Amino acid sequence: MEKMRAMVLSECAPIETNPLKLSEIDRHEIKKQNEILIKIEACGVCHSQLHGIEGDWKHLGIPPSLPTIPGHELVGKVVQIGKDVTKFKVGDRAGITPLLEACKNCQYCNEGKEYLCESSIITGESLKGGYTEYITVIQDFATKVPENMKPEYAAPLFCAGITAFKAVKAAHPRPNKKIGIFGIGGVGHMAVQFAKVEGCDVIAFSRNQNHLDVANRLGANDSMVFSENQENFLNEIKDKHGMLDAAIVFAPSDIVTDTAIKSVKKGGIIVIATIGEKLSFIAFEEKTIRGTLIGSTKDMEQVIKICNEENLEVISETYPLEKANEVLKKLKDSQIEARAVLIP
């Protein structure tokens, strides 16, 4: 049995204790005729993986089992295909989102919302994750990546990119619509760009000035440092911009979510693209609060197409695979400008 290097999590623990251990494990092999084997070239490091590794989301059943190999936005070269594969040939570049597999016959799958499938398998929540050298996937759940797209550019599109795209779509974008984006990191910096492609006026909010500088550079119409002094902060937004038409929340913080809801005009839309719990909602204000989760394979194809055609920027910094613990610690300390990418 051939081996591969992998960063394996055997027990949830604070990232400072280096819970990911570099290990040699059996290389994944094609088991179904419709599977492809990908040699991973790059895997993005997502903030939700940090929560999973540190055990913050155990109450949500994440990770569902241990040991696990994290990593759920990855790109690589197809090195082998099952005999029923028609979508890919050896040598193609392919990417995988957090949706590794779905049943394909429940009501969600039939509606083209396979990412909501109750029996879905999530990339990075079993031994099939991206912090390693190889992965197998059924052809339908992989997306073609153009040859000219660098792996470190493409990998973050498979979670940060699709999450941002879908959240902006959920906010019903149109020219000159005033959209507030709360949280500018790996996902937020992509959302600024997708909203600008739609002609929206974007106001970026973050606690971190570096992240706001990124948002400004990528075309945000304005940016403001977030403050927990809610009344003053909301007055500041109103004085500068009036009430927002819509808000998108990427920061996993109840105070941020609450502030975003209150910053939007009556009848406006608030899109929550993170774990939001304590929502205060006044029905008479006719606001729509909606959640959003990654997206479908069709959405993913759109993301690749738009990024390719519009030449959107993916801000990424690369690190070797074995530095995964250090990278996640940097992410925890807000020291990553947008997206870190591990290269095996």
Protein backbone atom coordinates (compact mmCIF):
# COMPACT_ATOMS: atom_id res chain seq x y z
CA MET A 1 0.00 0.00 0.00
CA GLU A 2 1.43 3.38 -0.98
CA LYS A 3 1.67 5.99 1.77
CA MET A 4 1.03 9.74 1.91
CA ARG A 5 1.88 12.53 4.33
CA ALA A 6 -1.05 14.00 6.23
CA MET A 7 -1.70 16.38 9.13
CA VAL A 8 -3.93 14.22 11.31
CA LEU A 9 -6.15 15.36 14.21
CA SER A 10 -6.64 12.61 16.81
CA GLU A 11 -8.03 14.79 19.60
CA CYS A 12 -9.60 18.27 19.65
CA ALA A 13 -7.36 20.72 21.51
CA PRO A 14 -6.24 24.38 21.44
CA ILE A 15 -4.13 25.06 18.36
CA GLU A 16 -1.27 26.29 20.60
CA THR A 17 -0.75 22.65 21.66
CA ASN A 18 -0.09 21.58 18.01
CA PRO A 19 -2.93 19.03 17.85
CA LEU A 20 -2.28 18.26 14.16
CA LYS A 21 0.44 15.64 13.82
CA LEU A 22 2.38 15.00 10.61
CA SER A 23 1.76 11.31 9.88
CA GLU A 24 2.28 8.72 7.17
CA ILE A 25 -1.02 7.05 6.32
CA ASP A 26 -2.30 4.75 3.56
CA ARG A 27 -2.81 6.66 0.34
CA HIS A 28 -6.44 6.90 -0.77
CA GLU A 29 -7.28 4.62 -3.67
CA ILE A 30 -10.15 4.64 -6.17
CA LYS A 31 -12.85 2.30 -4.83
CA LYS A 32 -15.76 3.22 -7.12
CA GLN A 33 -15.78 3.28 -10.92
CA ASN A 34 -17.00 6.91 -10.97
CA GLU A 35 -14.22 8.25 -8.72
CA ILE A 36 -11.11 10.25 -9.54
CA LEU A 37 -7.83 10.37 -7.61
CA ILE A 38 -6.45 13.88 -7.12
CA LYS A 39 -2.85 14.70 -6.21
CA ILE A 40 -3.41 17.80 -4.07
CA GLU A 41 -1.49 20.92 -5.12
CA ALA A 42 -2.99 23.40 -2.63
CA CYS A 43 -5.49 23.47 0.24
CA GLY A 44 -6.91 26.65 1.76
CA VAL A 45 -7.03 27.12 5.53
CA CYS A 46 -10.55 28.08 6.62
CA HIS A 47 -11.54 29.61 9.95
CA SER A 48 -14.26 26.99 10.46
CA GLN A 49 -11.53 24.31 10.50
CA LEU A 50 -9.99 26.08 13.49
CA HIS A 51 -13.31 25.82 15.35
CA GLY A 52 -13.53 22.12 14.48
CA ILE A 53 -9.95 21.39 15.55
CA GLU A 54 -10.26 23.25 18.86
CA GLY A 55 -13.57 21.54 19.71
CA ASP A 56 -15.70 24.72 19.64
CA TRP A 57 -18.32 23.06 17.46
CA LYS A 58 -18.61 19.69 19.21
CA HIS A 59 -22.23 20.62 20.05
CA LEU A 60 -22.87 20.75 16.30
CA GLY A 61 -21.31 17.31 15.80
CA ILE A 62 -18.14 18.74 14.23
CA PRO A 63 -15.88 16.85 13.75
CA PRO A 64 -18.24 13.83 13.53
CA SER A 65 -15.45 11.35 14.17
CA LEU A 66 -11.75 11.17 15.01
CA PRO A 67 -9.08 10.78 13.77
CA THR A 68 -9.71 13.23 10.95
CA ILE A 69 -7.72 15.12 8.31
CA PRO A 70 -8.97 18.72 8.11
CA GLY A 71 -9.03 20.82 4.96
CA HIS A 72 -12.06 21.38 2.75
CA GLU A 73 -11.07 23.71 -0.11
CA LEU A 74 -8.54 22.06 -2.33
CA VAL A 75 -7.24 21.85 -5.85
CA GLY A 76 -4.98 19.36 -7.56
CA LYS A 77 -4.18 17.31 -10.63
CA VAL A 78 -6.22 14.24 -11.61
CA VAL A 79 -3.73 11.38 -11.60
CA GLN A 80 -6.10 8.42 -12.02
CA ILE A 81 -9.73 7.90 -13.04
CA GLY A 82 -12.26 5.12 -12.51
CA LYS A 83 -13.47 3.38 -15.64
CA ASP A 84 -16.91 5.10 -15.64
CA VAL A 85 -15.47 8.63 -15.37
CA THR A 86 -16.39 10.93 -18.27
CA LYS A 87 -16.06 14.41 -16.73
CA PHE A 88 -12.27 14.33 -16.21
CA LYS A 89 -9.20 12.91 -17.84
CA VAL A 90 -5.79 12.31 -16.28
CA GLY A 91 -3.85 15.57 -16.16
CA ASP A 92 -6.92 17.82 -15.65
CA ARG A 93 -6.95 20.22 -12.73
CA ALA A 94 -9.89 19.71 -10.36
CA GLY A 95 -11.14 21.19 -7.11
CA ILE A 96 -13.36 20.04 -4.24
CA THR A 97 -15.61 22.12 -1.97
CA PRO A 98 -16.63 21.15 1.59
CA LEU A 99 -19.29 18.97 -0.06
CA LEU A 100 -17.49 15.71 -0.76
CA GLU A 101 -20.61 13.64 -1.44
CA ALA A 102 -24.41 13.71 -1.32
CA CYS A 103 -27.09 11.06 -1.88
CA LYS A 104 -28.35 12.53 -5.21
CA ASN A 105 -31.94 11.38 -4.70
CA CYS A 106 -33.42 13.29 -1.71
CA GLN A 107 -35.61 16.40 -2.13
CA TYR A 108 -32.61 18.74 -1.66
CA CYS A 109 -30.46 16.94 -4.22
CA ASN A 110 -33.38 16.92 -6.66
CA GLU A 111 -33.79 20.70 -6.20
CA GLY A 112 -30.12 21.29 -7.07
CA LYS A 113 -29.34 22.07 -3.43
CA GLU A 114 -27.21 19.00 -2.80
CA TYR A 115 -25.20 20.92 -0.17
CA LEU A 116 -28.30 20.67 2.12
CA CYS A 117 -28.51 16.86 1.74
CA GLU A 118 -29.07 15.22 5.14
CA SER A 119 -26.70 12.39 4.32
CA SER A 120 -23.95 14.54 2.83
CA ILE A 121 -20.30 13.77 3.55
CA ILE A 122 -18.16 16.79 4.36
CA THR A 123 -14.59 17.15 3.12
CA GLY A 124 -12.18 17.48 6.03
CA GLU A 125 -14.43 15.75 8.57
CA SER A 126 -13.06 12.25 8.07
CA LEU A 127 -9.76 10.88 6.74
CA LYS A 128 -10.73 12.47 3.43
CA GLY A 129 -9.47 16.01 3.91
CA GLY A 130 -7.15 18.42 2.18
CA TYR A 131 -4.23 18.68 4.62
CA THR A 132 -2.55 15.79 2.84
CA GLU A 133 -1.21 14.72 -0.58
CA TYR A 134 -4.05 12.76 -2.26
CA ILE A 135 -7.83 12.49 -2.13
CA THR A 136 -10.50 10.54 -4.03
CA VAL A 137 -13.88 11.98 -4.97
CA ILE A 138 -16.87 10.99 -7.12
CA GLN A 139 -16.56 12.91 -10.42
CA ASP A 140 -19.88 14.78 -9.92
CA PHE A 141 -18.58 16.49 -6.77
CA ALA A 142 -15.38 17.80 -8.31
CA THR A 143 -15.19 20.92 -10.48
CA LYS A 144 -12.86 21.56 -13.40
CA VAL A 145 -10.27 24.29 -12.86
CA PRO A 146 -8.70 26.01 -15.89
CA GLU A 147 -5.07 25.15 -16.52
CA ASN A 148 -4.06 28.84 -16.28
CA MET A 149 -5.39 29.17 -12.71
CA LYS A 150 -2.65 28.77 -10.14
CA PRO A 151 -3.50 26.22 -7.40
CA GLU A 152 -2.94 28.75 -4.58
CA TYR A 153 -5.40 31.10 -6.35
CA ALA A 154 -8.00 28.42 -7.09
CA ALA A 155 -8.02 26.49 -3.78
CA PRO A 156 -9.62 29.28 -1.67
CA LEU A 157 -12.40 29.62 -4.26
CA PHE A 158 -13.72 26.21 -3.21
CA CYS A 159 -14.94 27.41 0.19
CA ALA A 160 -14.21 31.12 0.68
CA GLY A 161 -15.10 31.90 -2.93
CA ILE A 162 -18.31 29.91 -3.18
CA THR A 163 -19.46 31.01 0.30
CA ALA A 164 -18.91 34.66 -0.64
CA PHE A 165 -20.60 34.27 -4.05
CA LYS A 166 -23.67 32.56 -2.58
CA ALA A 167 -23.99 35.07 0.29
CA VAL A 168 -23.88 38.01 -2.14
CA LYS A 169 -26.46 36.28 -4.35
CA ALA A 170 -28.70 35.81 -1.27
CA ALA A 171 -28.57 39.58 -0.63
CA HIS A 172 -30.27 40.17 -4.03
CA PRO A 173 -27.51 42.40 -5.42
CA ARG A 174 -28.21 45.11 -7.99
CA PRO A 175 -26.47 48.31 -9.11
CA ASN A 176 -26.12 50.94 -6.37
CA LYS A 177 -27.65 48.73 -3.70
CA LYS A 178 -25.96 49.56 -0.39
CA ILE A 179 -24.54 46.35 1.06
CA GLY A 180 -22.63 46.16 4.35
CA ILE A 181 -20.13 43.30 4.63
CA PHE A 182 -19.33 42.48 8.25
CA GLY A 183 -16.04 40.59 8.57
CA ILE A 184 -13.34 40.96 5.92
CA GLY A 185 -11.09 37.93 5.86
CA GLY A 186 -10.73 34.98 3.54
CA VAL A 187 -14.44 35.03 2.66
CA GLY A 188 -15.19 38.73 3.11
CA HIS A 189 -12.50 39.92 0.71
CA MET A 190 -14.09 37.78 -2.02
CA ALA A 191 -17.60 39.02 -1.16
CA VAL A 192 -16.49 42.64 -1.63
CA GLN A 193 -15.45 41.75 -5.18
CA PHE A 194 -18.55 39.70 -6.07
CA ALA A 195 -20.76 42.57 -4.84
CA LYS A 196 -18.75 45.07 -6.91
CA VAL A 197 -19.14 42.87 -10.02
CA GLU A 198 -22.91 43.31 -9.49
CA GLY A 199 -22.50 47.11 -9.23
CA CYS A 200 -23.35 47.38 -5.52
CA ASP A 201 -22.10 50.08 -3.17
CA VAL A 202 -20.08 48.15 -0.60
CA ILE A 203 -19.31 49.25 2.96
CA ALA A 204 -16.82 46.97 4.70
CA PHE A 205 -16.74 46.46 8.48
CA SER A 206 -13.97 44.79 10.47
CA ARG A 207 -12.24 45.14 13.84
CA ASN A 208 -8.94 44.95 11.97
CA GLN A 209 -7.63 47.96 10.01
CA ASN A 210 -5.40 45.73 7.82
CA HIS A 211 -8.49 43.87 6.64
CA LEU A 212 -10.23 47.16 5.90
CA ASP A 213 -7.22 48.30 3.86
CA VAL A 214 -7.63 45.12 1.79
CA ALA A 215 -11.36 45.86 1.30
CA ASN A 216 -10.59 49.42 0.16
CA ARG A 217 -7.98 48.17 -2.29
CA LEU A 218 -10.47 45.68 -3.74
CA GLY A 219 -13.05 48.38 -4.45
CA ALA A 220 -15.16 48.85 -1.29
CA ASN A 221 -16.84 52.28 -1.41
CA ASP A 222 -16.13 52.81 2.28
CA SER A 223 -14.83 50.92 5.29
CA MET A 224 -15.37 51.34 9.03
CA VAL A 225 -13.70 49.84 12.09
CA PHE A 226 -16.33 47.80 13.95
CA SER A 227 -17.11 48.89 17.51
CA GLU A 228 -19.07 47.01 20.19
CA ASN A 229 -20.46 50.33 21.43
CA GLN A 230 -23.52 49.55 19.38
CA GLU A 231 -25.55 52.77 19.72
CA ASN A 232 -22.64 55.04 18.74
CA PHE A 233 -21.58 52.71 15.96
CA LEU A 234 -25.08 52.52 14.43
CA ASN A 235 -25.33 56.32 14.60
CA GLU A 236 -21.99 56.59 12.84
CA ILE A 237 -23.21 54.30 10.02
CA LYS A 238 -26.46 56.29 9.72
CA ASP A 239 -24.64 59.62 9.60
CA LYS A 240 -22.30 58.43 6.86
CA HIS A 241 -24.53 56.15 4.80
CA GLY A 242 -28.11 56.13 6.08
CA MET A 243 -29.66 52.70 6.64
CA LEU A 244 -28.14 49.84 4.62
CA ASP A 245 -30.22 47.98 2.01
CA ALA A 246 -28.64 44.68 3.00
CA ALA A 247 -25.95 43.23 5.25
CA ILE A 248 -23.88 40.08 4.99
CA VAL A 249 -22.29 38.67 8.14
CA PHE A 250 -19.12 36.58 8.02
CA ALA A 251 -17.83 37.31 11.56
CA PRO A 252 -18.90 34.54 13.98
CA SER A 253 -19.98 36.92 16.76
CA ASP A 254 -23.44 37.56 18.16
CA ILE A 255 -22.80 41.27 18.71
CA VAL A 256 -21.73 41.65 15.06
CA THR A 257 -24.84 39.80 13.84
CA ASP A 258 -27.10 41.90 16.08
CA THR A 259 -25.48 45.13 14.87
CA ALA A 260 -25.80 44.05 11.24
CA ILE A 261 -29.54 43.37 11.69
CA LYS A 262 -30.03 46.81 13.24
CA SER A 263 -28.02 48.58 10.52
CA VAL A 264 -30.39 47.45 7.75
CA LYS A 265 -33.50 49.40 6.71
CA LYS A 266 -37.03 48.05 7.21
CA GLY A 267 -37.76 45.52 4.49
CA GLY A 268 -34.03 44.90 3.96
CA ILE A 269 -32.13 41.61 3.88
CA ILE A 270 -29.59 40.24 6.36
CA VAL A 271 -27.59 37.23 5.17
CA ILE A 272 -25.86 35.23 7.91
CA ALA A 273 -23.02 33.15 6.53
CA THR A 274 -21.68 32.00 9.89
CA ILE A 275 -22.92 30.45 13.13
CA GLY A 276 -25.43 33.04 14.43
CA GLU A 277 -27.41 32.23 17.53
CA LYS A 278 -28.93 35.09 19.53
CA LEU A 279 -30.95 36.92 16.90
CA SER A 280 -33.20 39.81 17.91
CA PHE A 281 -35.82 40.23 15.25
CA ILE A 282 -38.80 42.59 15.10
CA ALA A 283 -41.39 41.14 12.72
CA PHE A 284 -43.03 44.53 12.05
CA GLU A 285 -39.83 45.78 10.42
CA GLU A 286 -40.36 43.29 7.58
CA LYS A 287 -36.69 42.40 7.43
CA THR A 288 -35.62 39.11 5.91
CA ILE A 289 -32.96 37.20 7.84
CA ARG A 290 -31.58 34.25 5.97
CA GLY A 291 -28.79 31.77 6.38
CA THR A 292 -26.53 30.58 3.61
CA LEU A 293 -24.22 27.62 3.21
CA ILE A 294 -21.55 27.01 0.56
CA GLY A 295 -23.39 26.24 -2.70
CA SER A 296 -24.05 23.67 -5.41
CA THR A 297 -21.68 22.27 -8.00
CA LYS A 298 -23.37 24.59 -10.54
CA ASP A 299 -22.65 27.58 -8.25
CA MET A 300 -19.03 26.46 -8.05
CA GLU A 301 -18.73 26.43 -11.84
CA GLN A 302 -20.07 30.01 -11.85
CA VAL A 303 -17.48 31.09 -9.28
CA ILE A 304 -14.62 29.71 -11.40
CA LYS A 305 -16.06 31.38 -14.52
CA ILE A 306 -16.55 34.82 -12.90
CA CYS A 307 -13.13 34.80 -11.23
CA ASN A 308 -11.51 33.83 -14.52
CA GLU A 309 -13.40 36.38 -16.65
CA GLU A 310 -13.39 39.30 -14.21
CA ASN A 311 -9.86 38.59 -13.03
CA LEU A 312 -10.90 38.79 -9.36
CA GLU A 313 -8.12 38.83 -6.83
CA VAL A 314 -7.56 36.04 -4.33
CA ILE A 315 -5.21 37.23 -1.64
CA SER A 316 -3.33 34.20 -0.40
CA GLU A 317 -0.07 33.37 1.34
CA THR A 318 1.44 29.91 0.99
CA TYR A 319 2.98 27.62 3.61
CA PRO A 320 4.25 24.03 3.55
CA LEU A 321 1.80 21.35 4.72
CA GLU A 322 3.70 20.60 7.93
CA LYS A 323 3.22 24.21 9.12
CA ALA A 324 -0.58 23.71 9.47
CA ASN A 325 -0.61 24.25 13.27
CA GLU A 326 1.40 27.49 13.00
CA VAL A 327 -0.81 28.78 10.19
CA LEU A 328 -3.99 28.09 12.16
CA LYS A 329 -2.46 29.88 15.16
CA LYS A 330 -1.78 32.91 12.93
CA LEU A 331 -5.37 32.75 11.71
CA LYS A 332 -6.59 32.66 15.33
CA ASP A 333 -4.51 35.77 16.08
CA SER A 334 -5.84 37.65 12.97
CA GLN A 335 -2.36 37.66 11.43
CA ILE A 336 -3.44 36.29 8.05
CA GLU A 337 -4.33 39.05 5.60
CA ALA A 338 -7.02 37.01 3.79
CA ARG A 339 -6.36 33.33 3.05
CA ALA A 340 -3.52 30.99 3.94
CA VAL A 341 -2.90 28.04 1.63
CA LEU A 342 -1.02 24.84 2.47
CA ILE A 343 1.16 23.29 -0.24
CA PRO A 344 1.92 19.58 0.28
